[in-house]
Amino acid sequence: MSEAIKPKAEGGIMNKTINPDLTIKPDLVLNMKREWLAKVWNGEKTVEYRERKPYWDRRIGGWVGQRGKFVLMVLGYRRDTPAVIIRVDKVDIGTCPYKGWDGEYYRLHFAVVGRYMKYGDLFAPMDGSVRMEERSNKR
């Protein structure tokens, strides 16, 4: 094993990293569409919305009123993908400002902790000045 690659703490979602100082163990992984992950990556989005349904009740319903949870956001289900780790500062229930998104939502208010390129089980830190495009250039 290379000196630059270090196993993650046991039980962590990310078991290897190029950054040996990365010690955050995410509490949840969210697969995102490019448009939304790009907004998070670029610092344009600081609240994530998840509709109140049994699926999300089980995963984040108990987080209401809590803070300090960590979430790994990745682009879709790809193995090699951009990834963002966020720290959830507040979880509440309310409406969503996006047109057509009616009903109640879990609102995760967050701050970005790190931006990475994920290569399988490896995470390479990215410079915060690198912008992510909202649309793929592939046709």
N, C-alpha and C. Protein backbone atom coordinates (compact mmCIF):
# COMPACT_ATOMS: atom_id res chain seq x y z
N MET A 1 0.85 -1.19 0.00
CA MET A 1 0.00 0.00 0.00
C MET A 1 0.89 1.23 0.00
N SER A 2 0.54 2.18 -0.80
CA SER A 2 1.29 3.42 -0.92
C SER A 2 1.29 4.20 0.39
N GLU A 3 2.35 4.97 0.63
CA GLU A 3 2.43 5.83 1.81
C GLU A 3 1.31 6.86 1.84
N ALA A 4 0.87 7.32 0.65
CA ALA A 4 -0.14 8.38 0.58
C ALA A 4 -1.55 7.87 0.86
N ILE A 5 -1.74 6.55 0.79
CA ILE A 5 -3.07 6.00 0.98
C ILE A 5 -3.13 5.32 2.34
N LYS A 6 -4.11 5.73 3.14
CA LYS A 6 -4.23 5.22 4.49
C LYS A 6 -5.64 4.67 4.70
N PRO A 7 -5.80 3.51 5.30
CA PRO A 7 -7.14 2.99 5.55
C PRO A 7 -7.93 3.92 6.46
N LYS A 8 -9.23 4.01 6.21
CA LYS A 8 -10.13 4.82 7.05
C LYS A 8 -10.39 4.07 8.35
N ALA A 9 -10.79 4.81 9.36
CA ALA A 9 -11.16 4.19 10.63
C ALA A 9 -12.20 3.11 10.38
N GLU A 10 -12.11 2.00 11.10
CA GLU A 10 -13.00 0.88 10.89
C GLU A 10 -14.46 1.31 11.00
N GLY A 11 -15.28 0.79 10.11
CA GLY A 11 -16.70 1.09 10.13
C GLY A 11 -17.06 2.33 9.35
N GLY A 12 -16.07 3.02 8.80
CA GLY A 12 -16.35 4.24 8.05
C GLY A 12 -16.81 3.93 6.64
N ILE A 13 -17.53 4.85 6.06
CA ILE A 13 -17.98 4.68 4.69
C ILE A 13 -16.80 4.80 3.74
N MET A 14 -15.93 5.76 4.02
CA MET A 14 -14.74 5.93 3.19
C MET A 14 -13.61 5.17 3.85
N ASN A 15 -13.20 4.05 3.26
CA ASN A 15 -12.19 3.24 3.93
C ASN A 15 -10.77 3.54 3.49
N LYS A 16 -10.59 4.33 2.47
CA LYS A 16 -9.24 4.73 2.07
C LYS A 16 -9.29 6.19 1.62
N THR A 17 -8.21 6.88 1.81
CA THR A 17 -8.18 8.27 1.39
C THR A 17 -6.77 8.67 0.99
N ILE A 18 -6.67 9.61 0.09
CA ILE A 18 -5.36 10.14 -0.28
C ILE A 18 -4.94 11.16 0.77
N ASN A 19 -5.90 11.73 1.47
CA ASN A 19 -5.63 12.70 2.54
C ASN A 19 -5.61 11.96 3.87
N PRO A 20 -4.42 11.72 4.46
CA PRO A 20 -4.36 10.92 5.69
C PRO A 20 -4.99 11.61 6.90
N ASP A 21 -5.30 12.90 6.80
CA ASP A 21 -5.91 13.60 7.93
C ASP A 21 -7.43 13.52 7.92
N LEU A 22 -8.03 12.93 6.90
CA LEU A 22 -9.48 12.84 6.81
C LEU A 22 -9.99 11.81 7.82
N THR A 23 -10.74 12.28 8.80
CA THR A 23 -11.21 11.38 9.85
C THR A 23 -12.72 11.43 10.01
N ILE A 24 -13.43 12.09 9.13
CA ILE A 24 -14.87 12.22 9.25
C ILE A 24 -15.55 10.93 8.79
N LYS A 25 -16.46 10.45 9.61
CA LYS A 25 -17.27 9.28 9.26
C LYS A 25 -18.68 9.77 8.97
N PRO A 26 -19.10 9.78 7.69
CA PRO A 26 -20.45 10.26 7.36
C PRO A 26 -21.54 9.42 8.01
N ASP A 27 -22.61 10.08 8.44
CA ASP A 27 -23.77 9.41 9.01
C ASP A 27 -24.75 8.97 7.93
N LEU A 28 -24.60 9.53 6.73
CA LEU A 28 -25.53 9.26 5.64
C LEU A 28 -24.84 9.56 4.31
N VAL A 29 -25.21 8.81 3.27
CA VAL A 29 -24.73 9.09 1.91
C VAL A 29 -25.94 9.47 1.08
N LEU A 30 -25.84 10.61 0.38
CA LEU A 30 -26.91 11.06 -0.50
C LEU A 30 -26.41 11.05 -1.94
N ASN A 31 -27.12 10.37 -2.82
CA ASN A 31 -26.82 10.37 -4.24
C ASN A 31 -27.56 11.56 -4.85
N MET A 32 -26.83 12.42 -5.52
CA MET A 32 -27.38 13.69 -6.00
C MET A 32 -27.35 13.76 -7.53
N LYS A 33 -28.26 14.56 -8.08
CA LYS A 33 -28.19 14.90 -9.50
C LYS A 33 -27.13 15.98 -9.65
N ARG A 34 -26.53 16.04 -10.85
CA ARG A 34 -25.44 16.99 -11.10
C ARG A 34 -25.83 18.42 -10.77
N GLU A 35 -27.01 18.85 -11.16
CA GLU A 35 -27.45 20.23 -10.93
C GLU A 35 -27.35 20.61 -9.45
N TRP A 36 -27.83 19.74 -8.56
CA TRP A 36 -27.86 20.05 -7.13
C TRP A 36 -26.49 19.91 -6.49
N LEU A 37 -25.74 18.87 -6.88
CA LEU A 37 -24.40 18.70 -6.31
C LEU A 37 -23.50 19.87 -6.72
N ALA A 38 -23.65 20.35 -7.96
CA ALA A 38 -22.85 21.49 -8.41
C ALA A 38 -23.15 22.73 -7.58
N LYS A 39 -24.41 22.94 -7.26
CA LYS A 39 -24.77 24.10 -6.43
C LYS A 39 -24.16 24.00 -5.04
N VAL A 40 -24.14 22.80 -4.47
CA VAL A 40 -23.50 22.59 -3.16
C VAL A 40 -22.00 22.81 -3.29
N TRP A 41 -21.38 22.17 -4.28
CA TRP A 41 -19.93 22.25 -4.53
C TRP A 41 -19.49 23.71 -4.67
N ASN A 42 -20.28 24.50 -5.42
CA ASN A 42 -19.93 25.88 -5.72
C ASN A 42 -20.35 26.87 -4.64
N GLY A 43 -20.95 26.38 -3.56
CA GLY A 43 -21.33 27.23 -2.45
C GLY A 43 -22.62 28.01 -2.67
N GLU A 44 -23.43 27.61 -3.67
CA GLU A 44 -24.67 28.31 -3.98
C GLU A 44 -25.88 27.73 -3.25
N LYS A 45 -25.72 26.57 -2.62
CA LYS A 45 -26.83 25.90 -1.95
C LYS A 45 -26.36 25.48 -0.56
N THR A 46 -27.11 25.87 0.47
CA THR A 46 -26.73 25.54 1.85
C THR A 46 -27.85 24.85 2.62
N VAL A 47 -28.92 24.49 1.92
CA VAL A 47 -30.02 23.74 2.54
C VAL A 47 -30.40 22.61 1.59
N GLU A 48 -30.47 21.39 2.11
CA GLU A 48 -30.89 20.24 1.33
C GLU A 48 -32.30 19.86 1.78
N TYR A 49 -33.17 19.56 0.82
CA TYR A 49 -34.56 19.24 1.11
C TYR A 49 -34.85 17.78 0.79
N ARG A 50 -35.51 17.09 1.74
CA ARG A 50 -35.94 15.72 1.53
C ARG A 50 -37.39 15.62 1.97
N GLU A 51 -38.26 15.14 1.07
CA GLU A 51 -39.68 15.09 1.35
C GLU A 51 -39.98 14.16 2.53
N ARG A 52 -40.95 14.58 3.34
CA ARG A 52 -41.34 13.77 4.50
C ARG A 52 -42.13 12.56 4.01
N LYS A 53 -41.45 11.45 3.98
CA LYS A 53 -42.03 10.16 3.61
C LYS A 53 -41.39 9.12 4.52
N PRO A 54 -41.99 7.93 4.63
CA PRO A 54 -41.42 6.91 5.53
C PRO A 54 -39.94 6.63 5.28
N TYR A 55 -39.52 6.65 4.02
CA TYR A 55 -38.10 6.38 3.69
C TYR A 55 -37.19 7.37 4.43
N TRP A 56 -37.51 8.68 4.35
CA TRP A 56 -36.67 9.70 4.99
C TRP A 56 -36.95 9.81 6.48
N ASP A 57 -38.17 9.46 6.90
CA ASP A 57 -38.46 9.44 8.34
C ASP A 57 -37.49 8.50 9.05
N ARG A 58 -37.25 7.33 8.44
CA ARG A 58 -36.34 6.34 9.05
C ARG A 58 -34.90 6.81 9.06
N ARG A 59 -34.48 7.53 8.02
CA ARG A 59 -33.07 7.91 7.89
C ARG A 59 -32.71 9.21 8.60
N ILE A 60 -33.57 10.22 8.51
CA ILE A 60 -33.21 11.51 9.10
C ILE A 60 -34.26 12.09 10.02
N GLY A 61 -35.38 11.39 10.21
CA GLY A 61 -36.45 11.90 11.07
C GLY A 61 -35.98 12.17 12.49
N GLY A 62 -35.08 11.36 12.99
CA GLY A 62 -34.55 11.52 14.35
C GLY A 62 -33.53 12.64 14.46
N TRP A 63 -33.15 13.25 13.35
CA TRP A 63 -32.15 14.32 13.38
C TRP A 63 -32.76 15.69 13.69
N VAL A 64 -34.10 15.82 13.64
CA VAL A 64 -34.74 17.11 13.87
C VAL A 64 -34.31 17.64 15.24
N GLY A 65 -33.82 18.88 15.24
CA GLY A 65 -33.34 19.50 16.48
C GLY A 65 -31.90 19.16 16.82
N GLN A 66 -31.29 18.26 16.05
CA GLN A 66 -29.89 17.89 16.31
C GLN A 66 -28.98 18.64 15.35
N ARG A 67 -27.70 18.63 15.66
CA ARG A 67 -26.68 19.21 14.80
C ARG A 67 -25.43 18.36 14.89
N GLY A 68 -24.50 18.62 13.97
CA GLY A 68 -23.22 17.92 14.01
C GLY A 68 -23.18 16.60 13.28
N LYS A 69 -24.20 16.28 12.50
CA LYS A 69 -24.18 15.07 11.67
C LYS A 69 -23.37 15.38 10.40
N PHE A 70 -22.77 14.35 9.82
CA PHE A 70 -22.02 14.51 8.59
C PHE A 70 -22.65 13.69 7.47
N VAL A 71 -22.72 14.28 6.29
CA VAL A 71 -23.34 13.63 5.14
C VAL A 71 -22.36 13.68 3.97
N LEU A 72 -22.24 12.56 3.27
CA LEU A 72 -21.45 12.49 2.06
C LEU A 72 -22.40 12.60 0.88
N MET A 73 -22.21 13.61 0.04
CA MET A 73 -23.01 13.79 -1.17
C MET A 73 -22.17 13.38 -2.37
N VAL A 74 -22.71 12.49 -3.20
CA VAL A 74 -21.98 12.03 -4.38
C VAL A 74 -22.86 12.18 -5.61
N LEU A 75 -22.22 12.26 -6.77
CA LEU A 75 -22.94 12.41 -8.03
C LEU A 75 -23.47 11.06 -8.47
N GLY A 76 -24.77 10.88 -8.36
CA GLY A 76 -25.42 9.65 -8.80
C GLY A 76 -24.87 8.41 -8.15
N TYR A 77 -24.76 7.35 -8.93
CA TYR A 77 -24.29 6.06 -8.41
C TYR A 77 -22.97 5.64 -9.05
N ARG A 78 -22.27 6.60 -9.61
CA ARG A 78 -21.01 6.29 -10.29
C ARG A 78 -19.93 5.93 -9.27
N ARG A 79 -19.01 5.12 -9.68
CA ARG A 79 -17.89 4.72 -8.80
C ARG A 79 -16.85 5.84 -8.71
N ASP A 80 -16.56 6.49 -9.82
CA ASP A 80 -15.61 7.60 -9.86
C ASP A 80 -16.43 8.87 -10.03
N THR A 81 -16.43 9.73 -9.02
CA THR A 81 -17.36 10.84 -9.02
C THR A 81 -16.91 11.96 -8.10
N PRO A 82 -17.38 13.19 -8.36
CA PRO A 82 -17.15 14.25 -7.38
C PRO A 82 -17.93 13.93 -6.11
N ALA A 83 -17.42 14.36 -4.97
CA ALA A 83 -18.08 14.11 -3.69
C ALA A 83 -17.87 15.32 -2.78
N VAL A 84 -18.88 15.59 -1.95
CA VAL A 84 -18.82 16.69 -1.00
C VAL A 84 -19.20 16.15 0.37
N ILE A 85 -18.45 16.53 1.38
CA ILE A 85 -18.83 16.20 2.76
C ILE A 85 -19.37 17.47 3.39
N ILE A 86 -20.57 17.34 3.98
CA ILE A 86 -21.18 18.50 4.63
C ILE A 86 -21.38 18.20 6.12
N ARG A 87 -21.37 19.27 6.92
CA ARG A 87 -21.71 19.18 8.34
C ARG A 87 -23.09 19.79 8.49
N VAL A 88 -24.03 19.03 9.02
CA VAL A 88 -25.39 19.51 9.21
C VAL A 88 -25.44 20.33 10.50
N ASP A 89 -25.81 21.60 10.36
CA ASP A 89 -25.87 22.51 11.51
C ASP A 89 -27.26 22.58 12.12
N LYS A 90 -28.28 22.22 11.34
CA LYS A 90 -29.65 22.30 11.83
C LYS A 90 -30.54 21.46 10.94
N VAL A 91 -31.49 20.75 11.55
CA VAL A 91 -32.50 20.02 10.79
C VAL A 91 -33.86 20.45 11.32
N ASP A 92 -34.71 20.90 10.41
CA ASP A 92 -36.07 21.25 10.80
C ASP A 92 -37.04 20.76 9.73
N ILE A 93 -38.31 21.00 9.95
CA ILE A 93 -39.35 20.60 9.01
C ILE A 93 -40.07 21.85 8.54
N GLY A 94 -40.27 21.95 7.23
CA GLY A 94 -40.95 23.12 6.69
C GLY A 94 -41.19 22.96 5.21
N THR A 95 -41.50 24.06 4.57
CA THR A 95 -41.76 24.04 3.14
C THR A 95 -40.46 24.16 2.35
N CYS A 96 -40.56 23.89 1.07
CA CYS A 96 -39.42 24.00 0.16
C CYS A 96 -39.68 25.17 -0.78
N PRO A 97 -38.68 26.01 -1.05
CA PRO A 97 -38.90 27.18 -1.90
C PRO A 97 -38.99 26.91 -3.40
N TYR A 98 -38.70 25.67 -3.83
CA TYR A 98 -38.69 25.38 -5.25
C TYR A 98 -40.11 25.20 -5.78
N LYS A 99 -40.38 25.80 -6.91
CA LYS A 99 -41.70 25.75 -7.53
C LYS A 99 -42.11 24.31 -7.81
N GLY A 100 -43.31 23.95 -7.39
CA GLY A 100 -43.84 22.62 -7.62
C GLY A 100 -43.47 21.61 -6.54
N TRP A 101 -42.65 22.01 -5.58
CA TRP A 101 -42.26 21.11 -4.50
C TRP A 101 -43.17 21.42 -3.31
N ASP A 102 -44.36 20.86 -3.32
CA ASP A 102 -45.34 21.13 -2.28
C ASP A 102 -45.19 20.13 -1.13
N GLY A 103 -45.82 20.46 -0.01
CA GLY A 103 -45.80 19.57 1.14
C GLY A 103 -44.72 19.94 2.13
N GLU A 104 -44.52 19.05 3.10
CA GLU A 104 -43.51 19.28 4.14
C GLU A 104 -42.22 18.56 3.79
N TYR A 105 -41.12 19.20 4.15
CA TYR A 105 -39.79 18.65 3.85
C TYR A 105 -38.90 18.70 5.09
N TYR A 106 -38.00 17.71 5.17
CA TYR A 106 -36.89 17.84 6.11
C TYR A 106 -35.94 18.83 5.47
N ARG A 107 -35.50 19.82 6.23
CA ARG A 107 -34.57 20.82 5.71
C ARG A 107 -33.26 20.66 6.47
N LEU A 108 -32.22 20.26 5.77
CA LEU A 108 -30.90 20.10 6.35
C LEU A 108 -30.08 21.34 6.03
N HIS A 109 -29.84 22.18 7.02
CA HIS A 109 -29.02 23.39 6.86
C HIS A 109 -27.58 22.95 7.11
N PHE A 110 -26.68 23.30 6.20
CA PHE A 110 -25.34 22.73 6.28
C PHE A 110 -24.23 23.68 5.87
N ALA A 111 -23.01 23.25 6.16
CA ALA A 111 -21.79 23.91 5.70
C ALA A 111 -20.92 22.83 5.04
N VAL A 112 -20.25 23.20 3.96
CA VAL A 112 -19.36 22.25 3.27
C VAL A 112 -18.08 22.11 4.07
N VAL A 113 -17.70 20.87 4.33
CA VAL A 113 -16.47 20.56 5.07
C VAL A 113 -15.33 20.25 4.11
N GLY A 114 -15.64 19.55 3.01
CA GLY A 114 -14.59 19.20 2.06
C GLY A 114 -15.15 18.81 0.70
N ARG A 115 -14.34 19.05 -0.32
CA ARG A 115 -14.67 18.67 -1.70
C ARG A 115 -13.62 17.66 -2.15
N TYR A 116 -14.09 16.58 -2.78
CA TYR A 116 -13.19 15.49 -3.16
C TYR A 116 -13.55 14.95 -4.53
N MET A 117 -12.58 14.29 -5.16
CA MET A 117 -12.84 13.44 -6.31
C MET A 117 -12.74 12.03 -5.77
N LYS A 118 -13.78 11.26 -5.94
CA LYS A 118 -13.83 9.89 -5.43
C LYS A 118 -13.45 8.96 -6.57
N TYR A 119 -12.46 8.13 -6.33
CA TYR A 119 -12.01 7.12 -7.29
C TYR A 119 -12.18 5.76 -6.63
N GLY A 120 -13.32 5.13 -6.82
CA GLY A 120 -13.59 3.89 -6.12
C GLY A 120 -13.66 4.15 -4.64
N ASP A 121 -12.72 3.60 -3.88
CA ASP A 121 -12.68 3.80 -2.43
C ASP A 121 -11.67 4.88 -2.02
N LEU A 122 -11.06 5.56 -2.98
CA LEU A 122 -10.09 6.60 -2.68
C LEU A 122 -10.72 7.98 -2.82
N PHE A 123 -10.34 8.90 -1.94
CA PHE A 123 -10.85 10.27 -1.98
C PHE A 123 -9.68 11.23 -2.09
N ALA A 124 -9.65 11.98 -3.19
CA ALA A 124 -8.59 12.97 -3.41
C ALA A 124 -9.16 14.36 -3.13
N PRO A 125 -8.56 15.10 -2.19
CA PRO A 125 -9.07 16.45 -1.89
C PRO A 125 -8.96 17.36 -3.11
N MET A 126 -9.96 18.22 -3.27
CA MET A 126 -9.98 19.18 -4.38
C MET A 126 -9.88 20.58 -3.81
N ASP A 127 -9.26 21.45 -4.56
CA ASP A 127 -9.15 22.85 -4.20
C ASP A 127 -10.55 23.48 -4.25
N GLY A 128 -10.91 24.27 -3.24
CA GLY A 128 -12.21 24.91 -3.19
C GLY A 128 -12.47 25.89 -4.31
N SER A 129 -11.40 26.32 -5.01
CA SER A 129 -11.59 27.29 -6.09
C SER A 129 -12.01 26.62 -7.40
N VAL A 130 -11.96 25.29 -7.46
CA VAL A 130 -12.37 24.56 -8.66
C VAL A 130 -13.90 24.51 -8.69
N ARG A 131 -14.48 25.07 -9.77
CA ARG A 131 -15.94 25.08 -9.88
C ARG A 131 -16.43 23.81 -10.58
N MET A 132 -17.62 23.39 -10.22
CA MET A 132 -18.24 22.23 -10.86
C MET A 132 -19.34 22.74 -11.78
N GLU A 133 -19.36 22.26 -13.01
CA GLU A 133 -20.38 22.66 -13.97
C GLU A 133 -21.71 22.00 -13.62
N GLU A 134 -22.81 22.75 -13.78
CA GLU A 134 -24.14 22.20 -13.48
C GLU A 134 -24.61 21.24 -14.55
N ARG A 135 -24.06 21.33 -15.73
CA ARG A 135 -24.43 20.43 -16.82
C ARG A 135 -23.19 19.71 -17.29
N SER A 136 -23.38 18.46 -17.63
CA SER A 136 -22.27 17.69 -18.17
C SER A 136 -22.00 18.14 -19.59
N ASN A 137 -20.74 18.21 -19.97
CA ASN A 137 -20.37 18.60 -21.33
C ASN A 137 -20.48 17.43 -22.31
N LYS A 138 -20.74 16.23 -21.78
CA LYS A 138 -20.87 15.05 -22.64
C LYS A 138 -22.21 15.07 -23.33
N ARG A 139 -22.25 14.60 -24.54
CA ARG A 139 -23.50 14.54 -25.31
C ARG A 139 -23.83 13.12 -25.65
